[in-house]
Amino acid sequence: MPFKSEKICLPKQYDRRIKLTDKQREEIKEKYASGLYSQRALAAEYKVSRRLITFIIDPEKYSKCREQLKDRRKDGRYKPDKNSWNKTIREHRRYKQGLFETGKIK
């Protein structure tokens, strides 16, 4: 039987996987293009990894990395064990249910 929370779609503002807004991404591109900021300085300023800054500045590197990840997953790499995956899913469902109960999402 499916859980109710599986049908609940999270808006961007409540999705914990999203680290930066679209406006911040544009700011990063502009600052890096000016030549006054390094990738490390931008990462420290926005409190994200340098790798994320690299992917924002150069989307081709991001797409290449995604393709490599798909290839590695085909081999069975990066597959979590059953217990840790169940724990992750349960925690995510509780998070979504909490947002739903407080009326933040419908």
Protein backbone atom coordinates (compact mmCIF):
# COMPACT_ATOMS: atom_id res chain seq x y z
CA MET A 1 0.00 0.00 0.00
CA PRO A 2 1.55 3.33 -1.02
CA PHE A 3 2.18 6.05 1.53
CA LYS A 4 0.25 9.32 1.26
CA SER A 5 3.50 11.25 1.42
CA GLU A 6 4.72 9.69 -1.83
CA LYS A 7 2.14 11.71 -3.76
CA ILE A 8 3.07 14.96 -2.04
CA CYS A 9 5.40 17.03 -4.23
CA LEU A 10 7.75 19.34 -2.40
CA PRO A 11 8.09 22.89 -3.70
CA LYS A 12 11.64 24.19 -4.16
CA GLN A 13 11.52 26.21 -0.95
CA TYR A 14 11.06 23.06 1.16
CA ASP A 15 13.27 20.67 -0.79
CA ARG A 16 16.34 20.19 1.41
CA ARG A 17 18.46 18.99 -1.49
CA ILE A 18 18.48 22.45 -3.11
CA LYS A 19 21.31 24.50 -1.65
CA LEU A 20 21.11 27.71 -3.70
CA THR A 21 18.32 29.74 -5.28
CA ASP A 22 18.30 30.64 -8.96
CA LYS A 23 19.15 34.24 -8.04
CA GLN A 24 22.21 33.10 -6.07
CA ARG A 25 23.34 30.96 -9.00
CA GLU A 26 23.22 33.98 -11.30
CA GLU A 27 25.16 36.04 -8.77
CA ILE A 28 27.84 33.36 -8.61
CA LYS A 29 28.19 33.34 -12.40
CA GLU A 30 28.49 37.13 -12.50
CA LYS A 31 31.00 37.33 -9.67
CA TYR A 32 33.19 34.61 -11.14
CA ALA A 33 33.05 36.20 -14.61
CA SER A 34 34.26 39.50 -13.15
CA GLY A 35 37.52 37.80 -12.17
CA LEU A 36 37.50 39.24 -8.66
CA TYR A 37 36.39 36.03 -6.96
CA SER A 38 37.86 32.55 -6.97
CA GLN A 39 35.79 29.39 -6.79
CA ARG A 40 36.97 28.78 -3.23
CA ALA A 41 36.03 32.28 -2.14
CA LEU A 42 32.56 31.90 -3.64
CA ALA A 43 32.13 28.51 -1.98
CA ALA A 44 33.06 29.98 1.39
CA GLU A 45 30.75 32.97 0.89
CA TYR A 46 27.71 30.85 -0.01
CA LYS A 47 28.63 28.01 2.40
CA VAL A 48 28.62 25.30 -0.28
CA SER A 49 31.30 23.07 -1.75
CA ARG A 50 33.76 24.25 -4.38
CA ARG A 51 32.53 21.42 -6.57
CA LEU A 52 29.02 22.88 -6.62
CA ILE A 53 30.48 26.26 -7.64
CA THR A 54 32.36 24.51 -10.47
CA PHE A 55 29.16 22.87 -11.68
CA ILE A 56 27.32 26.22 -11.65
CA ILE A 57 30.08 27.96 -13.59
CA ASP A 58 30.62 25.13 -16.09
CA PRO A 59 27.39 23.15 -16.76
CA GLU A 60 29.24 20.85 -19.18
CA LYS A 61 31.27 19.44 -16.29
CA TYR A 62 28.04 18.81 -14.41
CA SER A 63 26.47 16.89 -17.30
CA LYS A 64 29.66 14.86 -17.77
CA CYS A 65 29.70 14.00 -14.06
CA ARG A 66 26.04 12.91 -14.18
CA GLU A 67 26.80 10.57 -17.09
CA GLN A 68 29.74 9.05 -15.23
CA LEU A 69 27.55 8.54 -12.19
CA LYS A 70 24.92 6.74 -14.28
CA ASP A 71 27.61 4.42 -15.65
CA ARG A 72 28.92 3.65 -12.17
CA ARG A 73 25.45 2.95 -10.82
CA LYS A 74 24.90 0.36 -13.54
CA ASP A 75 27.76 -1.61 -11.98
CA GLY A 76 25.97 -1.59 -8.62
CA ARG A 77 28.26 0.95 -7.00
CA TYR A 78 26.92 3.53 -4.54
CA LYS A 79 24.05 1.28 -3.53
CA PRO A 80 23.26 1.73 0.17
CA ASP A 81 22.47 -1.26 2.34
CA LYS A 82 18.80 -1.99 2.98
CA ASN A 83 18.71 -0.72 6.57
CA SER A 84 20.28 2.67 5.84
CA TRP A 85 18.07 3.17 2.78
CA ASN A 86 14.93 2.36 4.80
CA LYS A 87 16.03 4.81 7.49
CA THR A 88 16.56 7.55 4.87
CA ILE A 89 13.16 6.95 3.28
CA ARG A 90 11.38 6.93 6.66
CA GLU A 91 13.02 10.21 7.68
CA HIS A 92 12.07 11.84 4.36
CA ARG A 93 8.45 10.69 4.69
CA ARG A 94 8.28 12.11 8.21
CA TYR A 95 9.68 15.41 6.99
CA LYS A 96 7.06 15.65 4.23
CA GLN A 97 4.28 14.58 6.60
CA GLY A 98 5.34 17.27 9.08
CA LEU A 99 5.19 19.94 6.38
CA PHE A 100 1.77 18.67 5.34
CA GLU A 101 0.41 18.68 8.91
CA THR A 102 1.60 22.22 9.55
CA GLY A 103 -0.10 23.36 6.35
CA LYS A 104 3.07 24.41 4.54
CA ILE A 105 2.37 22.05 1.63
CA LYS A 106 -0.80 20.47 0.28
